[in-house]
PDB file of N, CA and C in Angstrom:
ATOM      1  N   UNK A   1       1.109  -1.125   0.089  1.00  0.00           N
ATOM      2  CA  UNK A   1      -0.392  -0.166   0.041  1.00  0.00           C
ATOM      3  C   UNK A   1       0.707   1.224  -0.084  1.00  0.00           C
ATOM      4  N   UNK A   2       0.300   2.082  -0.733  1.00  0.00           N
ATOM      5  CA  UNK A   2       1.126   3.486  -0.774  1.00  0.00           C
ATOM      6  C   UNK A   2       0.869   4.500   0.476  1.00  0.00           C
ATOM      7  N   UNK A   3       1.682   5.101   0.887  1.00  0.00           N
ATOM      8  CA  UNK A   3       1.386   6.434   1.704  1.00  0.00           C
ATOM      9  C   UNK A   3       0.864   7.475   1.594  1.00  0.00           C
ATOM     10  N   UNK A   4       0.096   7.650   2.744  1.00  0.00           N
ATOM     11  CA  UNK A   4      -0.648   8.964   1.788  1.00  0.00           C
ATOM     12  C   UNK A   4      -0.249  10.596   2.759  1.00  0.00           C
ATOM     13  N   UNK A   5       0.095  11.051   1.588  1.00  0.00           N
ATOM     14  CA  UNK A   5       0.987  12.115   1.220  1.00  0.00           C
ATOM     15  C   UNK A   5       0.504  13.021   2.930  1.00  0.00           C
ATOM     16  N   UNK A   6       1.357  13.072   3.164  1.00  0.00           N
ATOM     17  CA  UNK A   6       1.211  14.548   4.280  1.00  0.00           C
ATOM     18  C   UNK A   6       0.054  15.633   3.755  1.00  0.00           C
ATOM     19  N   UNK A   7       0.753  16.558   2.569  1.00  0.00           N
ATOM     20  CA  UNK A   7       0.445  17.906   2.349  1.00  0.00           C
ATOM     21  C   UNK A   7      -0.263  17.208   1.023  1.00  0.00           C
ATOM     22  N   UNK A   8      -1.770  17.748   0.822  1.00  0.00           N
ATOM     23  CA  UNK A   8      -2.134  17.445  -0.604  1.00  0.00           C
ATOM     24  C   UNK A   8      -1.679  17.993  -2.102  1.00  0.00           C
ATOM     25  N   UNK A   9      -0.972  16.988  -3.593  1.00  0.00           N
ATOM     26  CA  UNK A   9      -0.688  18.256  -4.460  1.00  0.00           C
ATOM     27  C   UNK A   9      -1.209  18.884  -4.712  1.00  0.00           C
ATOM     28  N   UNK A  10      -2.670  19.500  -4.735  1.00  0.00           N
ATOM     29  CA  UNK A  10      -3.276  20.836  -4.756  1.00  0.00           C
ATOM     30  C   UNK A  10      -2.782  21.668  -3.829  1.00  0.00           C
ATOM     31  N   UNK A  11      -2.994  21.095  -2.839  1.00  0.00           N
ATOM     32  CA  UNK A  11      -2.496  22.401  -1.580  1.00  0.00           C
ATOM     33  C   UNK A  11      -1.294  22.770  -1.619  1.00  0.00           C
ATOM     34  N   UNK A  12      -0.272  22.022  -1.957  1.00  0.00           N
ATOM     35  CA  UNK A  12       1.197  22.292  -2.154  1.00  0.00           C
ATOM     36  C   UNK A  12       1.141  23.231  -3.392  1.00  0.00           C
ATOM     37  N   UNK A  13       0.681  22.530  -4.525  1.00  0.00           N
ATOM     38  CA  UNK A  13       0.892  23.573  -5.297  1.00  0.00           C
ATOM     39  C   UNK A  13       0.630  25.551  -5.347  1.00  0.00           C
ATOM     40  N   UNK A  14      -0.235  25.269  -4.808  1.00  0.00           N
ATOM     41  CA  UNK A  14      -1.233  26.635  -4.138  1.00  0.00           C
ATOM     42  C   UNK A  14      -0.593  27.366  -3.785  1.00  0.00           C
ATOM     43  N   UNK A  15       0.248  26.291  -2.474  1.00  0.00           N
ATOM     44  CA  UNK A  15       0.862  27.149  -1.559  1.00  0.00           C
ATOM     45  C   UNK A  15       2.998  28.279  -2.577  1.00  0.00           C
ATOM     46  N   UNK A  16       2.789  27.045  -3.045  1.00  0.00           N
ATOM     47  CA  UNK A  16       4.313  27.192  -3.758  1.00  0.00           C
ATOM     48  C   UNK A  16       4.382  28.523  -4.240  1.00  0.00           C
ATOM     49  N   UNK A  17       2.949  28.479  -5.444  1.00  0.00           N
ATOM     50  CA  UNK A  17       2.538  28.962  -6.061  1.00  0.00           C
ATOM     51  C   UNK A  17       2.378  31.141  -5.116  1.00  0.00           C
ATOM     52  N   UNK A  18       2.086  30.499  -4.802  1.00  0.00           N
ATOM     53  CA  UNK A  18       1.813  32.204  -3.031  1.00  0.00           C
ATOM     54  C   UNK A  18       3.400  32.422  -3.208  1.00  0.00           C
ATOM     55  N   UNK A  19       4.189  31.492  -2.937  1.00  0.00           N
ATOM     56  CA  UNK A  19       5.741  31.750  -1.898  1.00  0.00           C
ATOM     57  C   UNK A  19       6.238  32.009  -3.751  1.00  0.00           C
ATOM     58  N   UNK A  20       5.864  31.582  -4.902  1.00  0.00           N
ATOM     59  CA  UNK A  20       6.686  32.506  -6.469  1.00  0.00           C
ATOM     60  C   UNK A  20       6.440  34.027  -6.263  1.00  0.00           C
ATOM     61  N   UNK A  21       4.495  34.205  -6.536  1.00  0.00           N
ATOM     62  CA  UNK A  21       4.032  35.235  -6.327  1.00  0.00           C
ATOM     63  C   UNK A  21       5.018  36.460  -5.401  1.00  0.00           C
ATOM     64  N   UNK A  22       4.967  35.464  -3.862  1.00  0.00           N
ATOM     65  CA  UNK A  22       5.366  37.040  -3.503  1.00  0.00           C
ATOM     66  C   UNK A  22       6.720  37.002  -3.435  1.00  0.00           C
ATOM     67  N   UNK A  23       7.500  36.722  -3.785  1.00  0.00           N
ATOM     68  CA  UNK A  23       9.046  36.354  -4.253  1.00  0.00           C
ATOM     69  C   UNK A  23       8.924  37.154  -5.568  1.00  0.00           C
ATOM     70  N   UNK A  24       7.866  36.892  -7.209  1.00  0.00           N
ATOM     71  CA  UNK A  24       7.899  37.875  -7.635  1.00  0.00           C
ATOM     72  C   UNK A  24       7.727  38.852  -7.295  1.00  0.00           C
ATOM     73  N   UNK A  25       6.869  39.347  -6.639  1.00  0.00           N
ATOM     74  CA  UNK A  25       6.546  40.693  -6.433  1.00  0.00           C
ATOM     75  C   UNK A  25       7.812  41.899  -5.348  1.00  0.00           C
ATOM     76  N   UNK A  26       8.108  40.547  -4.379  1.00  0.00           N
ATOM     77  CA  UNK A  26       9.504  41.342  -3.875  1.00  0.00           C
ATOM     78  C   UNK A  26      10.352  42.197  -5.142  1.00  0.00           C
ATOM     79  N   UNK A  27      10.539  41.074  -5.939  1.00  0.00           N
ATOM     80  CA  UNK A  27      11.918  41.540  -7.201  1.00  0.00           C
ATOM     81  C   UNK A  27      10.918  42.666  -8.047  1.00  0.00           C
ATOM     82  N   UNK A  28       9.446  42.511  -7.892  1.00  0.00           N
ATOM     83  CA  UNK A  28       9.538  43.742  -8.946  1.00  0.00           C
ATOM     84  C   UNK A  28       9.293  45.086  -8.443  1.00  0.00           C
ATOM     85  N   UNK A  29       9.683  44.914  -6.921  1.00  0.00           N
ATOM     86  CA  UNK A  29       9.386  46.280  -5.548  1.00  0.00           C
ATOM     87  C   UNK A  29      10.365  46.550  -5.487  1.00  0.00           C
ATOM     88  N   UNK A  30      11.888  45.131  -6.381  1.00  0.00           N
ATOM     89  CA  UNK A  30      13.322  46.082  -6.042  1.00  0.00           C
ATOM     90  C   UNK A  30      13.574  47.085  -7.402  1.00  0.00           C
ATOM     91  N   UNK A  31      12.514  47.064  -8.119  1.00  0.00           N
ATOM     92  CA  UNK A  31      12.429  47.416  -9.473  1.00  0.00           C
ATOM     93  C   UNK A  31      12.927  46.528 -11.068  1.00  0.00           C
ATOM     94  N   UNK A  32      12.548  45.088 -10.663  1.00  0.00           N
ATOM     95  CA  UNK A  32      12.423  44.090 -11.874  1.00  0.00           C
ATOM     96  C   UNK A  32      11.303  44.255 -12.432  1.00  0.00           C
ATOM     97  N   UNK A  33      11.347  44.039 -14.322  1.00  0.00           N
ATOM     98  CA  UNK A  33      10.409  44.190 -14.671  1.00  0.00           C
ATOM     99  C   UNK A  33       9.638  42.771 -13.911  1.00  0.00           C
ATOM    100  N   UNK A  34       8.527  42.886 -14.565  1.00  0.00           N
ATOM    101  CA  UNK A  34       7.821  41.432 -14.378  1.00  0.00           C
ATOM    102  C   UNK A  34       8.309  40.403 -14.910  1.00  0.00           C
ATOM    103  N   UNK A  35       8.446  40.136 -16.085  1.00  0.00           N
ATOM    104  CA  UNK A  35       9.433  38.634 -16.904  1.00  0.00           C
ATOM    105  C   UNK A  35      10.771  38.451 -15.779  1.00  0.00           C
ATOM    106  N   UNK A  36      11.619  39.421 -15.542  1.00  0.00           N
ATOM    107  CA  UNK A  36      13.033  39.708 -15.103  1.00  0.00           C
ATOM    108  C   UNK A  36      12.511  39.392 -13.236  1.00  0.00           C
ATOM    109  N   UNK A  37      11.207  39.568 -12.808  1.00  0.00           N
ATOM    110  CA  UNK A  37      10.825  39.397 -11.428  1.00  0.00           C
ATOM    111  C   UNK A  37      10.744  37.780 -11.418  1.00  0.00           C
ATOM    112  N   UNK A  38       9.461  37.252 -12.633  1.00  0.00           N
ATOM    113  CA  UNK A  38       9.681  36.095 -12.403  1.00  0.00           C
ATOM    114  C   UNK A  38      10.488  35.204 -12.771  1.00  0.00           C
ATOM    115  N   UNK A  39      11.558  35.088 -13.482  1.00  0.00           N
ATOM    116  CA  UNK A  39      12.829  34.221 -13.429  1.00  0.00           C
ATOM    117  C   UNK A  39      13.651  34.681 -12.600  1.00  0.00           C
ATOM    118  N   UNK A  40      13.744  35.836 -11.228  1.00  0.00           N
ATOM    119  CA  UNK A  40      14.133  35.241 -10.622  1.00  0.00           C
ATOM    120  C   UNK A  40      13.746  34.308  -9.845  1.00  0.00           C
ATOM    121  N   UNK A  41      12.470  34.637  -9.448  1.00  0.00           N
ATOM    122  CA  UNK A  41      11.372  34.147  -8.256  1.00  0.00           C
ATOM    123  C   UNK A  41      11.641  32.625  -8.730  1.00  0.00           C
ATOM    124  N   UNK A  42      11.756  32.351  -9.912  1.00  0.00           N
ATOM    125  CA  UNK A  42      11.743  30.962 -10.203  1.00  0.00           C
ATOM    126  C   UNK A  42      13.450  30.633  -9.634  1.00  0.00           C
ATOM    127  N   UNK A  43      14.850  31.446 -10.306  1.00  0.00           N
ATOM    128  CA  UNK A  43      15.592  30.580  -9.716  1.00  0.00           C
ATOM    129  C   UNK A  43      16.049  30.226  -8.211  1.00  0.00           C
ATOM    130  N   UNK A  44      14.535  31.730  -7.346  1.00  0.00           N
ATOM    131  CA  UNK A  44      15.330  31.765  -6.103  1.00  0.00           C
ATOM    132  C   UNK A  44      14.750  30.471  -5.445  1.00  0.00           C
ATOM    133  N   UNK A  45      13.643  29.804  -6.198  1.00  0.00           N
ATOM    134  CA  UNK A  45      12.434  28.768  -5.658  1.00  0.00           C
ATOM    135  C   UNK A  45      13.207  27.552  -6.551  1.00  0.00           C
ATOM    136  N   UNK A  46      14.223  27.596  -7.274  1.00  0.00           N
ATOM    137  CA  UNK A  46      15.112  26.041  -7.885  1.00  0.00           C
ATOM    138  C   UNK A  46      16.477  25.900  -6.738  1.00  0.00           C
ATOM    139  N   UNK A  47      17.353  27.230  -6.385  1.00  0.00           N
ATOM    140  CA  UNK A  47      17.844  27.459  -5.285  1.00  0.00           C
ATOM    141  C   UNK A  47      17.379  27.037  -3.810  1.00  0.00           C
ATOM    142  N   UNK A  48      16.114  27.729  -3.705  1.00  0.00           N
ATOM    143  CA  UNK A  48      15.686  26.922  -2.290  1.00  0.00           C
ATOM    144  C   UNK A  48      15.589  25.145  -1.638  1.00  0.00           C
ATOM    145  N   UNK A  49      14.997  24.797  -3.175  1.00  0.00           N
ATOM    146  CA  UNK A  49      14.529  23.656  -3.089  1.00  0.00           C
ATOM    147  C   UNK A  49      16.185  22.389  -3.134  1.00  0.00           C
ATOM    148  N   UNK A  50      16.856  22.783  -3.589  1.00  0.00           N
ATOM    149  CA  UNK A  50      17.756  22.410  -3.927  1.00  0.00           C
ATOM    150  C   UNK A  50      18.419  22.454  -2.682  1.00  0.00           C
ATOM    151  N   UNK A  51      18.624  23.678  -2.173  1.00  0.00           N
ATOM    152  CA  UNK A  51      19.215  24.049  -0.582  1.00  0.00           C
ATOM    153  C   UNK A  51      18.955  22.418   0.194  1.00  0.00           C
ATOM    154  N   UNK A  52      17.453  22.644   0.341  1.00  0.00           N
ATOM    155  CA  UNK A  52      16.327  21.848   1.466  1.00  0.00           C
ATOM    156  C   UNK A  52      17.404  20.049   1.267  1.00  0.00           C
ATOM    157  N   UNK A  53      17.233  20.498   0.082  1.00  0.00           N
ATOM    158  CA  UNK A  53      17.664  18.571  -0.526  1.00  0.00           C
ATOM    159  C   UNK A  53      19.189  18.285   0.243  1.00  0.00           C
ATOM    160  N   UNK A  54      20.135  19.145  -0.512  1.00  0.00           N
ATOM    161  CA  UNK A  54      21.535  19.016  -0.318  1.00  0.00           C
ATOM    162  C   UNK A  54      21.487  19.158   0.992  1.00  0.00           C
ATOM    163  N   UNK A  55      21.463  20.028   2.248  1.00  0.00           N
ATOM    164  CA  UNK A  55      21.432  19.918   3.678  1.00  0.00           C
ATOM    165  C   UNK A  55      20.573  18.287   4.084  1.00  0.00           C
ATOM    166  N   UNK A  56      19.813  18.021   4.081  1.00  0.00           N
ATOM    167  CA  UNK A  56      18.658  17.345   4.391  1.00  0.00           C
ATOM    168  C   UNK A  56      19.949  15.898   3.771  1.00  0.00           C
ATOM    169  N   UNK A  57      20.484  16.085   2.815  1.00  0.00           N
ATOM    170  CA  UNK A  57      21.389  14.826   2.526  1.00  0.00           C
ATOM    171  C   UNK A  57      22.740  14.643   3.549  1.00  0.00           C
ATOM    172  N   UNK A  58      23.060  16.166   3.643  1.00  0.00           N
ATOM    173  CA  UNK A  58      24.558  16.076   4.023  1.00  0.00           C
ATOM    174  C   UNK A  58      24.467  16.412   6.026  1.00  0.00           C
ATOM    175  N   UNK A  59      22.914  16.578   6.177  1.00  0.00           N
ATOM    176  CA  UNK A  59      22.742  16.706   7.185  1.00  0.00           C
ATOM    177  C   UNK A  59      23.449  18.017   7.846  1.00  0.00           C
ATOM    178  N   UNK A  60      23.298  19.094   7.423  1.00  0.00           N
ATOM    179  CA  UNK A  60      24.092  20.181   7.390  1.00  0.00           C
ATOM    180  C   UNK A  60      23.003  21.678   7.052  1.00  0.00           C
ATOM    181  N   UNK A  61      22.164  22.135   8.025  1.00  0.00           N
ATOM    182  CA  UNK A  61      21.759  23.091   7.666  1.00  0.00           C
ATOM    183  C   UNK A  61      22.405  24.574   6.921  1.00  0.00           C
ATOM    184  N   UNK A  62      23.875  24.532   7.291  1.00  0.00           N
ATOM    185  CA  UNK A  62      23.872  25.723   7.219  1.00  0.00           C
ATOM    186  C   UNK A  62      23.882  25.914   5.385  1.00  0.00           C
ATOM    187  N   UNK A  63      24.152  25.023   4.692  1.00  0.00           N
ATOM    188  CA  UNK A  63      23.595  24.692   3.580  1.00  0.00           C
ATOM    189  C   UNK A  63      22.616  25.725   2.770  1.00  0.00           C
ATOM    190  N   UNK A  64      21.412  25.323   3.758  1.00  0.00           N
ATOM    191  CA  UNK A  64      20.250  25.875   3.511  1.00  0.00           C
ATOM    192  C   UNK A  64      20.011  27.613   3.456  1.00  0.00           C
ATOM    193  N   UNK A  65      20.351  28.056   5.001  1.00  0.00           N
ATOM    194  CA  UNK A  65      20.808  29.589   5.469  1.00  0.00           C
ATOM    195  C   UNK A  65      21.775  29.450   4.518  1.00  0.00           C
ATOM    196  N   UNK A  66      22.936  29.273   3.899  1.00  0.00           N
ATOM    197  CA  UNK A  66      23.515  30.711   2.679  1.00  0.00           C
ATOM    198  C   UNK A  66      22.687  30.874   1.996  1.00  0.00           C
ATOM    199  N   UNK A  67      21.529  30.260   1.220  1.00  0.00           N
ATOM    200  CA  UNK A  67      20.767  30.394   0.389  1.00  0.00           C
ATOM    201  C   UNK A  67      20.084  31.415   0.664  1.00  0.00           C
ATOM    202  N   UNK A  68      19.750  30.957   1.880  1.00  0.00           N
ATOM    203  CA  UNK A  68      18.657  31.947   2.628  1.00  0.00           C
ATOM    204  C   UNK A  68      18.654  33.818   2.451  1.00  0.00           C
ATOM    205  N   UNK A  69      19.815  33.089   3.215  1.00  0.00           N
ATOM    206  CA  UNK A  69      21.210  34.719   3.099  1.00  0.00           C
ATOM    207  C   UNK A  69      21.122  35.405   1.573  1.00  0.00           C
ATOM    208  N   UNK A  70      20.723  34.660   0.270  1.00  0.00           N
ATOM    209  CA  UNK A  70      21.590  35.154  -1.379  1.00  0.00           C
ATOM    210  C   UNK A  70      20.291  35.243  -1.289  1.00  0.00           C
ATOM    211  N   UNK A  71      19.188  35.206  -0.989  1.00  0.00           N
ATOM    212  CA  UNK A  71      17.863  35.461  -1.322  1.00  0.00           C
ATOM    213  C   UNK A  71      17.486  37.002  -1.678  1.00  0.00           C
ATOM    214  N   UNK A  72      17.670  38.071  -1.183  1.00  0.00           N
ATOM    215  CA  UNK A  72      17.676  39.551  -1.058  1.00  0.00           C
ATOM    216  C   UNK A  72      18.425  39.796  -2.288  1.00  0.00           C
ATOM    217  N   UNK A  73      19.620  39.647  -2.872  1.00  0.00           N
ATOM    218  CA  UNK A  73      21.051  39.639  -3.938  1.00  0.00           C
ATOM    219  C   UNK A  73      20.060  39.174  -4.688  1.00  0.00           C
ATOM    220  N   UNK A  74      19.251  37.721  -4.396  1.00  0.00           N
ATOM    221  CA  UNK A  74      18.919  36.762  -6.277  1.00  0.00           C
ATOM    222  C   UNK A  74      17.825  38.163  -6.757  1.00  0.00           C
ATOM    223  N   UNK A  75      17.332  38.461  -5.669  1.00  0.00           N
ATOM    224  CA  UNK A  75      15.752  38.680  -6.321  1.00  0.00           C
ATOM    225  C   UNK A  75      15.413  40.059  -6.552  1.00  0.00           C
ATOM    226  N   UNK A  76      16.849  40.936  -6.056  1.00  0.00           N
ATOM    227  CA  UNK A  76      16.618  42.183  -5.535  1.00  0.00           C
ATOM    228  C   UNK A  76      18.070  42.314  -7.372  1.00  0.00           C
ATOM    229  N   UNK A  77      18.791  42.116  -7.443  1.00  0.00           N
ATOM    230  CA  UNK A  77      19.769  42.583  -8.414  1.00  0.00           C
ATOM    231  C   UNK A  77      19.746  43.582  -9.632  1.00  0.00           C
TER     232      UNK A  77
END
């Protein structure tokens, strides 16, 4: 038997979309055009998700903390 997911896929998608919109909005407020803001937000999400995986595999939360520290520069370049 398969495991029951902790969070429904639809709920997870909605939350991730909300985070994406928030980051894109932050990039727009920092002066980015809409299309560039979306690119920055997408890149930020990819880095966050990758850092979460690596931090868990290495049992080293500093990997994730480093990426979080880089987010303002990534979104506001």
